Protein backbone atom coordinates (compact mmCIF):
# COMPACT_ATOMS: atom_id res chain seq x y z
CA MET A 1 88.36 121.28 125.48
CA ASN A 2 85.59 121.71 122.90
CA ILE A 3 87.11 121.68 119.41
CA PHE A 4 85.16 123.32 116.58
CA PRO A 5 86.76 122.82 113.13
CA ILE A 6 86.03 125.27 110.32
CA ILE A 7 86.91 123.83 106.90
CA LEU A 8 87.48 126.27 104.06
CA ALA A 9 86.12 124.77 100.84
CA ALA A 10 84.83 127.67 98.75
CA GLY A 11 87.58 127.97 96.15
CA GLN A 12 86.84 127.50 92.47
CA GLY A 13 90.00 125.60 91.61
CA THR A 14 90.45 126.98 88.09
CA ARG A 15 93.75 125.14 87.66
CA MET A 16 91.87 121.83 87.79
CA ARG A 17 90.28 122.87 84.48
CA SER A 18 87.08 121.09 85.43
CA SER A 19 83.38 121.75 85.89
CA LEU A 20 83.62 119.77 89.13
CA PRO A 21 84.34 121.89 92.24
CA LYS A 22 87.94 121.41 93.31
CA VAL A 23 87.15 119.91 96.71
CA LEU A 24 85.03 117.18 95.09
CA HIS A 25 87.90 115.76 93.06
CA PRO A 26 88.58 112.31 94.51
CA ILE A 27 91.41 110.78 96.47
CA ALA A 28 91.01 107.03 96.97
CA GLY A 29 87.45 107.20 95.66
CA LEU A 30 86.25 109.92 98.06
CA PRO A 31 86.10 113.70 97.54
CA MET A 32 89.10 115.53 98.98
CA LEU A 33 86.74 117.45 101.23
CA GLN A 34 85.26 114.22 102.63
CA HIS A 35 88.71 113.13 103.82
CA VAL A 36 89.11 116.42 105.69
CA VAL A 37 85.61 116.19 107.17
CA ASP A 38 86.32 112.65 108.39
CA ALA A 39 89.62 113.73 109.98
CA CYS A 40 87.92 116.65 111.74
CA SER A 41 84.95 114.56 112.86
CA ALA A 42 87.32 112.09 114.55
CA LEU A 43 88.73 114.73 116.92
CA GLN A 44 88.33 114.04 120.61
CA ASN A 45 86.10 116.59 122.27
CA ARG A 46 85.19 117.03 125.91
CA ASN A 47 82.09 114.84 126.30
CA VAL A 48 80.42 116.40 123.27
CA ALA A 49 79.99 115.39 119.64
CA CYS A 50 82.27 117.20 117.24
CA HIS A 51 80.53 119.89 115.21
CA VAL A 52 82.16 120.84 111.93
CA ALA A 53 81.54 123.99 109.87
CA ILE A 54 82.18 123.92 106.13
CA VAL A 55 82.55 127.20 104.25
CA TYR A 56 81.48 126.53 100.67
CA GLY A 57 81.07 128.66 97.57
CA HIS A 58 81.82 127.41 94.06
CA GLY A 59 79.75 124.34 93.31
CA GLY A 60 77.12 125.35 95.86
CA GLU A 61 74.59 122.62 96.41
CA LEU A 62 76.69 120.09 94.51
CA VAL A 63 79.26 120.22 97.28
CA ARG A 64 76.61 119.80 99.96
CA GLU A 65 75.07 116.84 98.13
CA HIS A 66 78.34 114.90 97.96
CA ILE A 67 79.62 115.37 101.51
CA SER A 68 78.27 113.34 104.41
CA GLY A 69 78.74 113.37 108.16
CA GLU A 70 77.08 114.11 111.46
CA ASN A 71 76.79 117.60 112.94
CA LEU A 72 77.82 119.41 109.77
CA ASN A 73 77.15 123.15 109.58
CA TRP A 74 77.26 124.91 106.21
CA ALA A 75 78.24 128.55 105.64
CA LEU A 76 78.10 130.14 102.19
CA GLN A 77 80.92 132.40 100.98
CA SER A 78 79.31 133.84 97.87
CA VAL A 79 82.28 136.09 97.03
CA GLN A 80 85.83 134.95 97.75
CA LYS A 81 87.78 137.70 99.52
CA GLY A 82 90.51 135.67 101.18
CA THR A 83 90.91 133.19 104.02
CA GLY A 84 90.06 135.69 106.74
CA HIS A 85 86.82 136.57 104.99
CA ALA A 86 86.04 132.85 104.58
CA VAL A 87 86.44 132.11 108.29
CA SER A 88 84.27 135.10 109.15
CA GLN A 89 81.36 133.49 107.30
CA ALA A 90 81.23 130.70 109.90
CA ILE A 91 82.56 132.38 113.03
CA HIS A 92 79.03 133.09 114.33
CA LEU A 93 78.62 129.33 114.87
CA VAL A 94 81.46 129.32 117.38
CA ASP A 95 81.21 129.86 121.14
CA ALA A 96 83.70 132.13 122.88
CA ASP A 97 85.49 129.29 124.70
CA ASP A 98 85.62 126.91 121.73
CA VAL A 99 88.99 125.93 120.30
CA VAL A 100 88.59 126.79 116.63
CA LEU A 101 90.61 124.74 114.15
CA VAL A 102 90.85 126.17 110.65
CA ALA A 103 91.37 123.43 108.05
CA TYR A 104 91.27 123.24 104.26
CA GLY A 105 89.08 121.13 102.00
CA ASP A 106 91.80 120.57 99.40
CA VAL A 107 94.34 119.08 101.84
CA PRO A 108 93.04 115.51 101.96
CA LEU A 109 95.95 113.75 103.69
CA ILE A 110 95.68 115.67 106.96
CA ARG A 111 95.44 113.30 109.92
CA SER A 112 93.14 113.71 112.90
CA GLU A 113 96.15 113.04 115.16
CA THR A 114 97.92 116.08 113.71
CA LEU A 115 94.84 118.25 114.19
CA GLN A 116 94.57 117.03 117.79
CA GLN A 117 98.19 118.07 118.43
CA LEU A 118 97.43 121.48 116.93
CA ALA A 119 94.47 121.97 119.26
CA GLN A 120 96.48 120.87 122.30
CA GLY A 121 99.26 123.30 121.33
CA LEU A 122 96.92 126.20 122.13
CA GLN A 123 96.89 125.58 125.88
CA ASP A 124 99.54 128.14 126.87
CA CYS A 125 99.35 130.67 124.04
CA SER A 126 97.00 132.86 122.03
CA MET A 127 97.35 130.98 118.75
CA CYS A 128 98.90 127.76 117.49
CA ILE A 129 100.05 127.36 113.88
CA LEU A 130 100.75 124.13 112.02
CA THR A 131 103.98 124.52 110.09
CA THR A 132 106.26 122.38 107.96
CA GLU A 133 109.69 122.77 106.41
CA LEU A 134 110.18 122.69 102.64
CA ALA A 135 113.34 122.49 100.58
CA ASN A 136 111.61 124.78 98.07
CA PRO A 137 109.13 127.01 99.94
CA THR A 138 108.12 129.05 96.88
CA GLY A 139 104.46 130.05 97.03
CA TYR A 140 104.01 129.56 100.76
CA GLY A 141 103.70 132.07 103.59
CA ARG A 142 106.88 132.22 105.71
CA LEU A 143 107.10 132.07 109.50
CA VAL A 144 108.95 135.19 110.65
CA ARG A 145 110.53 134.83 114.11
CA ASP A 146 112.49 137.21 116.31
CA ALA A 147 116.00 136.59 117.64
CA ASP A 148 114.60 134.43 120.44
CA GLY A 149 112.61 132.28 118.03
CA ALA A 150 109.22 133.70 118.91
CA VAL A 151 106.77 133.95 116.02
CA GLN A 152 106.17 137.55 114.98
CA ALA A 153 104.18 137.21 111.78
CA ILE A 154 103.37 135.17 108.70
CA VAL A 155 104.38 136.89 105.48
CA GLU A 156 102.81 135.75 102.23
CA GLU A 157 105.07 135.07 99.25
CA LYS A 158 103.95 138.13 97.27
CA ASP A 159 104.48 140.42 100.25
CA ALA A 160 107.80 138.92 101.42
CA THR A 161 111.24 140.50 101.16
CA ASP A 162 114.11 138.68 99.48
CA GLY A 163 115.45 137.70 102.88
CA GLN A 164 112.12 136.39 104.10
CA ARG A 165 111.78 134.25 100.99
CA LEU A 166 114.84 132.28 102.11
CA ILE A 167 112.95 131.01 105.20
CA ARG A 168 112.14 127.29 104.82
CA GLU A 169 109.57 127.02 107.63
CA VAL A 170 106.20 127.73 106.06
CA ASN A 171 102.62 128.18 107.10
CA THR A 172 100.34 125.29 106.20
CA GLY A 173 97.21 127.40 106.77
CA PHE A 174 95.99 125.24 109.66
CA ILE A 175 95.62 127.25 112.87
CA ALA A 176 94.06 126.88 116.29
CA ALA A 177 92.65 129.81 118.27
CA ARG A 178 90.00 130.42 120.89
CA GLY A 179 86.64 131.56 119.59
CA SER A 180 86.66 134.83 121.52
CA ASP A 181 90.12 135.81 120.22
CA LEU A 182 89.43 134.85 116.63
CA LYS A 183 86.18 136.80 116.53
CA ARG A 184 88.00 139.91 117.76
CA TRP A 185 90.89 139.55 115.28
CA LEU A 186 88.67 138.90 112.27
CA LYS A 187 86.96 142.26 112.81
CA GLN A 188 90.32 144.03 112.60
CA LEU A 189 91.51 142.52 109.30
CA THR A 190 92.01 144.82 106.32
CA PRO A 191 92.79 144.04 102.64
CA GLN A 192 95.98 146.12 102.60
CA ASN A 193 98.17 143.63 100.73
CA ALA A 194 99.24 142.62 97.23
CA GLN A 195 96.16 140.46 96.75
CA GLY A 196 93.64 142.93 98.14
CA GLU A 197 92.25 140.17 100.35
CA TYR A 198 91.53 139.60 104.03
CA TYR A 199 94.37 137.32 105.15
CA LEU A 200 93.71 134.98 108.05
CA THR A 201 97.47 135.00 108.62
CA ASP A 202 97.29 138.66 109.65
CA CYS A 203 95.74 137.43 112.90
CA VAL A 204 99.24 136.35 113.94
CA GLY A 205 100.46 139.94 113.96
CA LEU A 206 97.33 141.04 115.82
CA ALA A 207 97.91 138.40 118.50
CA VAL A 208 101.53 139.47 118.93
CA ALA A 209 100.50 143.15 119.06
CA GLU A 210 98.20 142.34 121.97
CA GLY A 211 101.13 140.78 123.83
CA GLY A 212 100.05 137.22 123.17
CA SER A 213 102.37 134.39 122.24
CA VAL A 214 102.08 132.22 119.14
CA ASN A 215 102.96 128.53 119.35
CA THR A 216 103.79 126.23 116.43
CA VAL A 217 103.44 122.51 115.78
CA LEU A 218 105.77 121.16 113.10
CA CYS A 219 104.30 118.58 110.73
CA PRO A 220 107.26 116.32 109.84
CA ASP A 221 105.73 115.07 106.60
CA PRO A 222 105.12 117.94 104.15
CA VAL A 223 102.93 115.73 101.96
CA GLU A 224 100.36 115.50 104.77
CA VAL A 225 99.68 119.24 104.52
CA GLU A 226 100.03 119.59 100.76
CA GLY A 227 97.04 120.89 98.82
CA ALA A 228 95.90 119.86 95.37
CA ASN A 229 95.44 122.79 93.00
CA ASN A 230 95.83 120.86 89.73
CA ARG A 231 95.60 117.30 88.52
CA VAL A 232 99.36 116.74 88.74
CA GLN A 233 99.26 117.50 92.47
CA LEU A 234 96.08 115.43 92.81
CA ALA A 235 97.82 112.39 91.31
CA ARG A 236 100.82 112.86 93.60
CA LEU A 237 98.59 112.96 96.67
CA GLU A 238 96.69 109.91 95.44
CA ARG A 239 99.90 107.87 95.34
CA ALA A 240 101.00 109.18 98.73
CA TYR A 241 97.65 108.24 100.25
CA GLN A 242 97.74 104.80 98.62
CA GLN A 243 101.25 104.27 100.01
CA ARG A 244 99.91 105.09 103.46
CA LEU A 245 97.11 102.53 103.08
CA ALA A 246 99.42 99.86 101.68
CA GLU A 247 101.85 100.30 104.56
CA ARG A 248 99.02 99.85 107.05
CA LEU A 249 98.01 96.57 105.38
CA MET A 250 101.58 95.31 105.37
CA LEU A 251 101.96 96.09 109.07
CA GLU A 252 98.81 94.04 109.66
CA GLY A 253 100.37 90.98 108.02
CA VAL A 254 99.49 91.41 104.33
CA THR A 255 102.06 90.87 101.59
CA VAL A 256 101.65 93.54 98.93
CA ALA A 257 103.64 92.68 95.82
CA ASP A 258 104.09 96.35 94.87
CA PRO A 259 102.59 99.11 97.03
CA ALA A 260 102.78 101.49 94.07
CA ARG A 261 100.37 99.28 92.13
CA LEU A 262 97.60 98.80 94.68
CA ASP A 263 94.55 101.07 94.90
CA ILE A 264 92.24 101.08 97.91
CA ARG A 265 89.07 103.12 97.56
CA GLY A 266 87.19 102.29 100.70
CA LYS A 267 87.70 100.20 103.84
CA VAL A 268 89.63 96.94 103.86
CA GLU A 269 89.78 94.40 106.70
CA THR A 270 92.26 91.56 106.40
CA GLY A 271 93.37 88.43 108.19
CA GLN A 272 96.97 87.30 108.39
CA ASP A 273 99.06 86.04 105.48
CA VAL A 274 96.99 87.64 102.73
CA PHE A 275 98.81 88.12 99.42
CA ILE A 276 97.85 90.91 96.99
CA ASP A 277 99.52 90.98 93.59
CA VAL A 278 99.98 94.01 91.32
CA ASN A 279 97.27 96.22 89.79
CA VAL A 280 94.56 95.25 92.26
CA VAL A 281 91.71 97.67 93.07
CA LEU A 282 89.78 97.25 96.33
CA SER A 283 86.77 99.54 96.72
CA GLY A 284 83.82 99.95 99.05
CA ASN A 285 83.87 97.60 102.04
CA VAL A 286 86.13 94.61 101.49
CA LYS A 287 86.88 91.88 104.01
CA LEU A 288 89.64 89.37 103.29
CA GLY A 289 90.07 86.28 105.44
CA LYS A 290 93.31 84.59 106.43
CA GLY A 291 95.49 83.29 103.63
CA VAL A 292 93.49 84.90 100.82
CA VAL A 293 95.43 85.25 97.56
CA ILE A 294 94.45 87.93 95.05
CA GLU A 295 96.33 87.63 91.79
CA ALA A 296 97.17 90.44 89.39
CA ASN A 297 94.67 92.82 87.77
CA CYS A 298 91.63 92.03 89.94
CA VAL A 299 88.87 94.46 90.94
CA ILE A 300 86.99 93.71 94.16
CA GLN A 301 84.17 95.87 95.46
CA ASP A 302 81.96 95.43 98.54
CA ALA A 303 82.86 91.78 98.99
CA GLU A 304 83.63 89.32 101.77
CA ILE A 305 86.15 86.63 100.94
CA GLY A 306 86.75 83.68 103.27
CA ASP A 307 89.95 82.08 104.49
CA ASN A 308 92.35 80.53 101.97
CA THR A 309 90.31 81.50 98.93
CA ARG A 310 92.22 82.28 95.75
CA ILE A 311 91.12 84.98 93.31
CA LYS A 312 92.95 84.39 90.06
CA SER A 313 94.03 87.13 87.70
CA HIS A 314 91.72 89.52 85.83
CA SER A 315 88.65 88.69 87.93
CA VAL A 316 85.96 91.21 88.91
CA ILE A 317 83.93 90.70 92.09
CA GLU A 318 81.14 93.03 93.19
CA ASP A 319 78.81 92.76 96.17
CA ALA A 320 79.49 89.06 96.70
CA VAL A 321 80.09 86.74 99.66
CA ILE A 322 82.65 84.01 99.12
CA ALA A 323 83.33 81.34 101.72
CA GLU A 324 86.61 79.65 102.59
CA ASN A 325 88.77 77.56 100.24
CA CYS A 326 87.09 78.74 97.05
CA ASP A 327 88.80 79.11 93.69
CA ILE A 328 87.81 81.99 91.42
CA GLY A 329 88.94 82.81 87.88
CA PRO A 330 90.95 83.72 85.96
CA PHE A 331 88.75 86.16 84.02
CA ALA A 332 85.69 85.51 86.21
CA ARG A 333 82.98 88.05 86.95
CA LEU A 334 80.91 87.72 90.12
CA ARG A 335 78.09 90.26 90.08
CA PRO A 336 75.91 91.49 92.96
CA GLY A 337 74.08 88.87 94.96
CA THR A 338 76.53 86.04 94.32
CA VAL A 339 77.12 83.73 97.30
CA LEU A 340 79.66 80.91 97.18
CA GLU A 341 79.81 78.22 99.83
CA ALA A 342 83.06 76.54 100.89
CA ARG A 343 85.23 74.89 98.20
CA ALA A 344 83.11 76.20 95.34
CA LYS A 345 84.91 76.91 92.10
CA ILE A 346 84.20 79.54 89.47
CA GLY A 347 86.45 79.16 86.44
CA ASN A 348 87.59 81.21 83.49
CA PHE A 349 85.12 83.42 81.65
CA VAL A 350 82.25 82.57 84.01
CA GLU A 351 79.72 85.21 85.04
CA THR A 352 77.37 84.90 88.00
CA LYS A 353 74.61 87.19 89.23
CA LYS A 354 72.32 86.70 92.23
CA ALA A 355 73.41 83.08 92.38
CA HIS A 356 73.84 80.92 95.48
CA ILE A 357 76.34 78.19 94.68
CA GLY A 358 76.65 75.34 97.16
CA ARG A 359 79.61 73.70 98.84
CA GLY A 360 82.03 72.02 96.47
CA SER A 361 80.10 72.94 93.33
CA LYS A 362 81.93 73.90 90.13
CA VAL A 363 81.20 76.21 87.23
CA ASN A 364 84.47 75.86 85.40
CA HIS A 365 84.25 77.40 81.94
CA LEU A 366 82.47 79.94 79.77
CA SER A 367 79.12 79.97 81.57
CA TYR A 368 76.48 82.40 82.82
CA ILE A 369 74.64 81.57 86.06
CA GLY A 370 72.02 84.13 87.12
CA ASP A 371 69.08 84.10 89.55
CA SER A 372 69.98 80.57 90.55
CA GLU A 373 70.22 78.32 93.57
CA ILE A 374 72.73 75.52 93.13
CA GLY A 375 73.17 72.70 95.62
CA VAL A 376 76.19 70.76 96.92
CA ASP A 377 78.79 69.09 94.65
CA VAL A 378 77.14 70.19 91.41
CA ASN A 379 79.11 70.21 88.17
CA ILE A 380 78.09 72.77 85.55
CA GLY A 381 79.58 72.01 82.13
CA ALA A 382 81.29 74.49 79.84
CA GLY A 383 79.05 76.90 77.97
CA THR A 384 76.01 76.42 80.21
CA ILE A 385 73.67 79.36 80.72
CA THR A 386 70.60 79.97 82.84
CA CYS A 387 68.05 81.81 80.71
CA ASN A 388 66.61 83.87 83.55
CA TYR A 389 65.10 86.88 81.74
CA ASP A 390 62.06 86.73 79.48
CA GLY A 391 62.29 90.36 78.42
CA ALA A 392 60.13 91.63 81.27
CA ASN A 393 60.75 89.53 84.39
CA LYS A 394 63.54 87.53 86.03
CA HIS A 395 62.96 83.87 86.85
CA LYS A 396 64.82 81.43 89.07
CA THR A 397 66.68 78.21 88.32
CA VAL A 398 67.00 75.64 91.12
CA ILE A 399 69.56 72.85 90.81
CA GLY A 400 69.69 70.11 93.46
CA ASP A 401 72.69 68.44 95.07
CA LYS A 402 75.08 66.32 92.99
CA VAL A 403 73.59 67.33 89.64
CA PHE A 404 75.75 66.98 86.51
CA VAL A 405 74.94 69.46 83.75
CA GLY A 406 76.57 68.69 80.42
CA SER A 407 78.28 71.29 78.28
CA CYS A 408 76.42 73.81 76.14
CA THR A 409 73.16 73.46 78.04
CA GLN A 410 70.47 76.12 78.31
CA LEU A 411 68.30 76.04 81.42
CA VAL A 412 65.20 78.13 80.66
CA ALA A 413 63.84 79.49 83.94
CA PRO A 414 61.72 78.98 85.87
CA VAL A 415 62.98 75.41 86.04
CA SER A 416 64.17 72.91 88.64
CA ILE A 417 66.69 70.09 88.29
CA GLY A 418 66.23 67.29 90.82
CA GLU A 419 68.96 65.92 93.08
CA GLY A 420 71.44 63.63 91.34
CA ALA A 421 70.03 64.32 87.87
CA THR A 422 72.17 64.37 84.74
CA ILE A 423 71.50 66.79 81.91
CA GLY A 424 72.89 65.70 78.56
CA ALA A 425 75.24 68.05 76.75
CA GLY A 426 73.66 70.40 74.26
CA SER A 427 70.21 70.27 75.85
CA THR A 428 67.69 73.07 76.11
CA ILE A 429 65.73 72.36 79.29
CA THR A 430 62.36 74.07 79.54
CA LYS A 431 60.65 71.70 82.00
CA ASP A 432 61.60 70.39 85.42
CA ALA A 433 64.06 67.46 85.28
CA PRO A 434 63.43 64.58 87.73
CA ALA A 435 65.94 63.53 90.37
CA GLY A 436 68.39 60.75 89.56
CA GLU A 437 67.55 60.53 85.86
CA LEU A 438 69.20 61.49 82.57
CA THR A 439 67.31 64.22 80.78
CA LEU A 440 68.02 65.19 77.17
CA ALA A 441 66.49 67.78 74.90
CA ARG A 442 68.18 67.73 71.49
CA ALA A 443 67.07 68.11 67.91
CA LYS A 444 67.40 64.99 65.78
CA GLN A 445 70.76 64.74 64.02
CA MET A 446 70.54 64.43 60.25
CA THR A 447 72.98 63.96 57.36
CA LEU A 448 71.98 65.12 53.87
CA LYS A 449 73.94 62.96 51.47
CA GLY A 450 75.16 64.65 48.31
CA TRP A 451 74.64 68.18 49.63
CA GLN A 452 76.98 70.69 48.03
CA ARG A 453 78.34 73.72 49.82
CA PRO A 454 77.71 76.95 47.87
CA VAL A 455 80.68 78.30 45.96
CA LYS A 456 81.35 81.96 45.25
CA GLY A 457 81.16 82.90 41.61
CA LYS A 458 84.21 84.23 39.78
CA LYS A 459 84.45 88.02 39.40
């Protein structure tokens, strides 16, 4: 079975009240349309790669620029005349024996497993429709069945009778049909309805009129097939998607303090016995080792964190590699290029950037370490900074093993501190410091006897 998905993504989305095309509004950090493309691309085809057609309109090239994937085919719908018209813009890409799946770019929670069931439901019928049941079906097309339960038609809300509006089983819009049948039905559609549009749902009646049968697959979770037409619905789908991701983590052995206060905007791999506290954001590609603890209000992006490392509250980590048994924060910021070896410690209000910090080394308080290579068991005192930028170029600071740097020290790069050296507190180091020695660089302390502090004059 060769499955060919056609994703409808041409709508303007005026209710979003945004200059951004509706399908580009994000869920979990990715455009809604990208979620649908990924679900369609994951479908199992018969020994062939899955080709996906995307019908786009509003937003034009902006939509194409922001969506990625292999074997994507783009079809422009310059004027929106309904779902049937939209599908017809891409139907020429389909072979007669293809199983065509029609999907929607603003339904981001659809699963590839559900789409696979829909395609398989076509085996013994002319068309298969994905349906769901709603307590309040207002606004949706209703599934009209005969006395034996066979599907006869889909009636849109504006065209439905009072009796038909009581039906709770609704059309989600997702259908499966063979390419040859769909091509024939699309040519017969007419805009004779309240909207004056070409309804894809009219193909149901055409199939029945030909003597064909229409199968249905019921989606048990209505949220999976819910679209986002405004920002209220977008927020609801965001939380539903985040709940799905949090549940997956918990089933893999992660303790999530409150699933409603975790945001995942990318891919997360975890070991066992990880603990994630509230208001944590994980984005990009994040890998958490066994026993990792992430305290409240942390943001972690594109990072690898080793076993039994603790990230204390209000820390921000971006594009960093952290080994096992490290201690980070609170209020630490690890910027791109930071590498921490085992048992390293980064304390409160410390910022690092493109710094390699060796095993067991500590930067405990109020420091900036950038463009640096720090050895094993180094102690960096409070308020120390590496002066790595001269206004035009970045320069490197190299600190050997077992160095002790006193508080409030400035290391003006390029500079090297030899193994076992001690740098006196309050020093400004502009030249290399030798190994094993104490190096100081302070101005002479003076006391001016009899000096009087200025006093403000009376007004």
